[in-house]
Amino acid sequence: MMTKKLILWLIWIGFISYIVLFAPPLHIEETLTLLKNIVTFNWAEINPIILSLFSLVGIWLLIYSGLLFIDGRMQWIPFWPFALASVGSGVLGLLPYLALRESNQEFSGQKDAFLHLLDSRLFGIILSFSTIVIIAYGLLGNWADFVQQFQSDRFINGMSLAFCLFCLLLPTVLGDDMVRRRWNNPTVFWIVSLLPLLGSLAYLCLRPSLQANVGQEFAVANR
């Protein structure tokens, strides 16, 4: 467990160091213009790939919310401050929670309306449909322009790498969520882990509902 925590802290420090020291230059004016165009729905000015990538980072935050607000109920530290931090900083706001949390495979108490929503299959279905639309829109984009911006713009570069980190970090919390639901299936764990975006969306659509006042007594086989 300590090794896992150390790796997560090293990833956090390493990603910050990369963004500050080694990433391409930050073009503040262009970045602010991009964000302004996004929030004002002036999407015709944005490469569809970049807009889709920005949207998929938001999808990832919602996927992790579907796992970690429930997890945070049983932790010594709640998830919601890190969720708020993630809205502005993406994976940088999420990583400290992953490093600070303890492995927990239980849930007790009653689900409030918010947790009922995050636990519902409808939540997963809506995210899945949204993701399909976003990906389809992104396929209309200019890949040469995206590669050029990835190589020359810190914001696009960092956002792209953050998307990859969201994919890689999912297994750190997936196993606990599966055990909480008495779905101790290593095959499902590896399929979801190796197909992290579409697999995680399928998981949210298919996972058994979390039962209140449940205590788990067994560990996931692949941990």
Protein backbone atom coordinates (compact mmCIF):
# COMPACT_ATOMS: atom_id res chain seq x y z
CA MET A 1 0.00 0.00 0.00
CA MET A 2 2.81 2.42 0.85
CA THR A 3 4.46 1.62 -2.48
CA LYS A 4 1.24 2.45 -4.29
CA LYS A 5 0.92 5.75 -2.43
CA LEU A 6 4.54 6.62 -3.17
CA ILE A 7 4.05 5.92 -6.89
CA LEU A 8 0.97 8.14 -6.97
CA TRP A 9 2.81 11.01 -5.26
CA LEU A 10 5.73 10.58 -7.68
CA ILE A 11 3.34 10.70 -10.64
CA TRP A 12 1.80 13.90 -9.24
CA ILE A 13 5.17 15.55 -8.67
CA GLY A 14 6.50 14.29 -11.97
CA PHE A 15 3.55 15.61 -13.95
CA ILE A 16 3.80 19.03 -12.31
CA SER A 17 7.55 19.08 -12.99
CA TYR A 18 6.99 18.16 -16.62
CA ILE A 19 4.36 20.87 -17.13
CA VAL A 20 6.55 23.54 -15.51
CA LEU A 21 9.96 22.56 -16.84
CA PHE A 22 9.64 20.52 -20.02
CA ALA A 23 6.27 21.12 -21.68
CA PRO A 24 5.98 23.48 -24.66
CA PRO A 25 5.51 27.20 -23.91
CA LEU A 26 2.24 28.45 -22.47
CA HIS A 27 0.50 30.82 -24.87
CA ILE A 28 -1.72 32.66 -22.42
CA GLU A 29 -3.63 34.76 -24.94
CA GLU A 30 -4.39 31.79 -27.19
CA THR A 31 -5.39 29.64 -24.21
CA LEU A 32 -7.75 32.29 -22.86
CA THR A 33 -9.27 32.70 -26.32
CA LEU A 34 -9.77 28.94 -26.57
CA LEU A 35 -11.49 28.78 -23.17
CA LYS A 36 -13.62 31.79 -24.03
CA ASN A 37 -14.72 30.17 -27.29
CA ILE A 38 -15.59 26.97 -25.42
CA VAL A 39 -17.73 28.60 -22.73
CA THR A 40 -19.45 30.95 -25.20
CA PHE A 41 -20.22 28.05 -27.59
CA ASN A 42 -18.16 29.64 -30.35
CA TRP A 43 -17.08 26.17 -31.38
CA ALA A 44 -16.64 26.90 -35.08
CA GLU A 45 -13.30 28.50 -34.17
CA ILE A 46 -11.99 25.36 -32.44
CA ASN A 47 -10.48 22.22 -33.95
CA PRO A 48 -13.07 19.49 -33.18
CA ILE A 49 -10.31 17.23 -31.83
CA ILE A 50 -9.32 19.79 -29.21
CA LEU A 51 -12.92 20.50 -28.25
CA SER A 52 -13.59 16.75 -27.98
CA LEU A 53 -10.47 16.21 -25.88
CA PHE A 54 -11.50 19.02 -23.53
CA SER A 55 -14.98 17.47 -23.25
CA LEU A 56 -13.60 13.97 -22.64
CA VAL A 57 -11.53 15.26 -19.73
CA GLY A 58 -14.86 16.41 -18.28
CA ILE A 59 -16.31 12.96 -18.94
CA TRP A 60 -13.40 11.43 -17.05
CA LEU A 61 -14.07 13.68 -14.07
CA LEU A 62 -17.66 12.46 -14.05
CA ILE A 63 -16.56 8.82 -14.34
CA TYR A 64 -14.28 9.21 -11.33
CA SER A 65 -17.08 11.03 -9.50
CA GLY A 66 -19.27 7.96 -10.04
CA LEU A 67 -16.66 5.95 -8.16
CA LEU A 68 -15.10 8.29 -5.63
CA PHE A 69 -17.97 10.21 -4.06
CA ILE A 70 -19.17 6.81 -2.83
CA ASP A 71 -15.62 5.87 -1.83
CA GLY A 72 -15.19 9.17 -0.01
CA ARG A 73 -18.11 8.37 2.29
CA MET A 74 -15.91 5.75 3.98
CA GLN A 75 -12.58 7.61 3.89
CA TRP A 76 -10.96 9.79 6.54
CA ILE A 77 -10.90 12.57 3.95
CA PRO A 78 -13.90 13.42 1.73
CA PHE A 79 -13.64 13.46 -2.04
CA TRP A 80 -15.58 16.65 -2.77
CA PRO A 81 -12.69 19.18 -2.23
CA PHE A 82 -10.59 17.22 -4.72
CA ALA A 83 -13.51 17.02 -7.14
CA LEU A 84 -13.76 20.81 -7.05
CA ALA A 85 -9.99 21.12 -7.52
CA SER A 86 -10.17 18.73 -10.48
CA VAL A 87 -12.66 20.98 -12.27
CA GLY A 88 -9.93 23.59 -12.61
CA SER A 89 -6.81 21.43 -12.70
CA GLY A 90 -7.94 18.06 -14.05
CA VAL A 91 -5.87 15.09 -12.98
CA LEU A 92 -3.62 17.29 -10.80
CA GLY A 93 -6.55 17.83 -8.45
CA LEU A 94 -7.46 14.14 -8.45
CA LEU A 95 -4.06 12.58 -7.77
CA PRO A 96 -3.65 13.80 -4.16
CA TYR A 97 -6.94 12.14 -3.21
CA LEU A 98 -5.86 8.86 -4.82
CA ALA A 99 -2.60 9.05 -2.86
CA LEU A 100 -4.23 9.99 0.47
CA ARG A 101 -7.19 7.58 0.43
CA GLU A 102 -7.00 4.17 2.04
CA SER A 103 -8.11 1.05 0.24
CA ASN A 104 -11.69 0.48 1.34
CA GLN A 105 -14.17 -2.12 0.12
CA GLU A 106 -17.15 -1.30 2.34
CA PHE A 107 -20.07 1.07 2.32
CA SER A 108 -22.36 1.78 5.24
CA GLY A 109 -25.22 4.13 5.83
CA GLN A 110 -27.85 5.31 3.38
CA LYS A 111 -27.31 6.79 -0.06
CA ASP A 112 -28.57 10.34 -0.39
CA ALA A 113 -30.13 11.63 -3.61
CA PHE A 114 -26.74 12.63 -5.03
CA LEU A 115 -25.21 9.20 -4.42
CA HIS A 116 -28.33 7.54 -5.83
CA LEU A 117 -27.78 9.52 -9.03
CA LEU A 118 -24.09 8.62 -9.28
CA ASP A 119 -24.89 4.98 -8.51
CA SER A 120 -27.66 4.71 -11.09
CA ARG A 121 -27.26 3.02 -14.45
CA LEU A 122 -28.92 6.05 -16.02
CA PHE A 123 -25.86 8.06 -15.03
CA GLY A 124 -23.63 5.65 -16.94
CA ILE A 125 -25.96 5.56 -19.94
CA ILE A 126 -26.05 9.35 -20.23
CA LEU A 127 -22.25 9.53 -20.00
CA SER A 128 -21.89 6.77 -22.60
CA PHE A 129 -24.20 8.47 -25.08
CA SER A 130 -22.44 11.80 -24.55
CA THR A 131 -19.04 10.18 -25.08
CA ILE A 132 -20.10 8.58 -28.36
CA VAL A 133 -21.30 11.96 -29.65
CA ILE A 134 -18.09 13.66 -28.50
CA ILE A 135 -15.84 11.06 -30.14
CA ALA A 136 -17.84 11.16 -33.37
CA TYR A 137 -17.50 14.95 -33.46
CA GLY A 138 -13.77 14.73 -32.77
CA LEU A 139 -13.26 12.48 -35.79
CA LEU A 140 -14.18 15.48 -37.95
CA GLY A 141 -11.13 17.38 -36.76
CA ASN A 142 -7.80 18.25 -38.31
CA TRP A 143 -5.18 15.85 -36.96
CA ALA A 144 -2.21 17.71 -38.42
CA ASP A 145 -3.32 20.87 -36.62
CA PHE A 146 -3.81 18.94 -33.36
CA VAL A 147 -0.30 17.43 -33.56
CA GLN A 148 1.15 20.86 -34.23
CA GLN A 149 -0.66 22.33 -31.21
CA PHE A 150 0.30 19.37 -29.04
CA GLN A 151 3.95 20.00 -29.83
CA SER A 152 3.85 23.77 -29.41
CA ASP A 153 1.18 24.63 -26.81
CA ARG A 154 1.48 23.77 -23.11
CA PHE A 155 -2.26 23.75 -22.47
CA ILE A 156 -3.03 21.29 -25.29
CA ASN A 157 0.01 19.18 -24.44
CA GLY A 158 -0.85 18.99 -20.74
CA MET A 159 -4.54 18.30 -21.40
CA SER A 160 -3.66 15.43 -23.73
CA LEU A 161 -1.30 13.85 -21.19
CA ALA A 162 -3.86 14.36 -18.42
CA PHE A 163 -6.37 12.38 -20.48
CA CYS A 164 -3.86 9.53 -20.67
CA LEU A 165 -3.27 9.67 -16.91
CA PHE A 166 -7.00 9.44 -16.23
CA CYS A 167 -6.95 6.21 -18.24
CA LEU A 168 -3.93 4.77 -16.44
CA LEU A 169 -5.12 5.61 -12.91
CA LEU A 170 -8.55 3.97 -13.09
CA PRO A 171 -7.40 0.55 -11.76
CA THR A 172 -6.31 2.19 -8.49
CA VAL A 173 -9.97 2.63 -7.49
CA LEU A 174 -11.84 0.15 -9.69
CA GLY A 175 -11.09 -2.94 -7.61
CA ASP A 176 -12.50 -1.46 -4.39
CA ASP A 177 -15.69 -0.40 -6.15
CA MET A 178 -16.18 -3.89 -7.58
CA VAL A 179 -15.76 -5.57 -4.19
CA ARG A 180 -18.21 -3.10 -2.62
CA ARG A 181 -20.81 -4.40 -5.07
CA ARG A 182 -19.93 -8.09 -4.63
CA TRP A 183 -18.78 -8.22 -8.24
CA ASN A 184 -15.47 -9.97 -7.65
CA ASN A 185 -14.65 -10.71 -11.30
CA PRO A 186 -10.99 -10.41 -12.43
CA THR A 187 -12.00 -10.68 -16.10
CA VAL A 188 -14.25 -7.63 -15.80
CA PHE A 189 -11.52 -5.79 -13.88
CA TRP A 190 -8.97 -6.29 -16.66
CA ILE A 191 -11.37 -5.54 -19.50
CA VAL A 192 -12.36 -2.25 -17.88
CA SER A 193 -8.74 -1.43 -17.03
CA LEU A 194 -7.41 -2.17 -20.52
CA LEU A 195 -10.29 -0.35 -22.24
CA PRO A 196 -10.35 2.50 -19.73
CA LEU A 197 -12.73 5.00 -21.34
CA LEU A 198 -15.28 2.80 -23.09
CA GLY A 199 -14.71 0.02 -20.59
CA SER A 200 -15.32 2.30 -17.62
CA LEU A 201 -18.50 3.64 -19.21
CA ALA A 202 -19.74 0.09 -19.78
CA TYR A 203 -18.89 -0.65 -16.16
CA LEU A 204 -20.99 2.27 -14.92
CA CYS A 205 -23.89 1.02 -17.05
CA LEU A 206 -23.67 -2.63 -15.94
CA ARG A 207 -22.35 -2.67 -12.37
CA PRO A 208 -24.72 -3.92 -9.66
CA SER A 209 -26.35 -1.26 -7.54
CA LEU A 210 -24.59 -0.46 -4.30
CA GLN A 211 -26.55 -1.71 -1.31
CA ALA A 212 -26.75 0.34 1.86
CA ASN A 213 -25.25 -0.95 5.11
CA VAL A 214 -23.03 -3.42 3.35
CA GLY A 215 -19.79 -4.75 4.78
CA GLN A 216 -17.47 -6.66 2.47
CA GLU A 217 -15.35 -9.50 3.80
CA PHE A 218 -13.41 -10.55 0.76
CA ALA A 219 -10.79 -8.91 -1.42
CA VAL A 220 -10.68 -8.63 -5.15
CA ALA A 221 -8.68 -11.53 -6.57
CA ASN A 222 -6.30 -9.48 -8.68
CA ARG A 223 -5.13 -7.09 -5.98
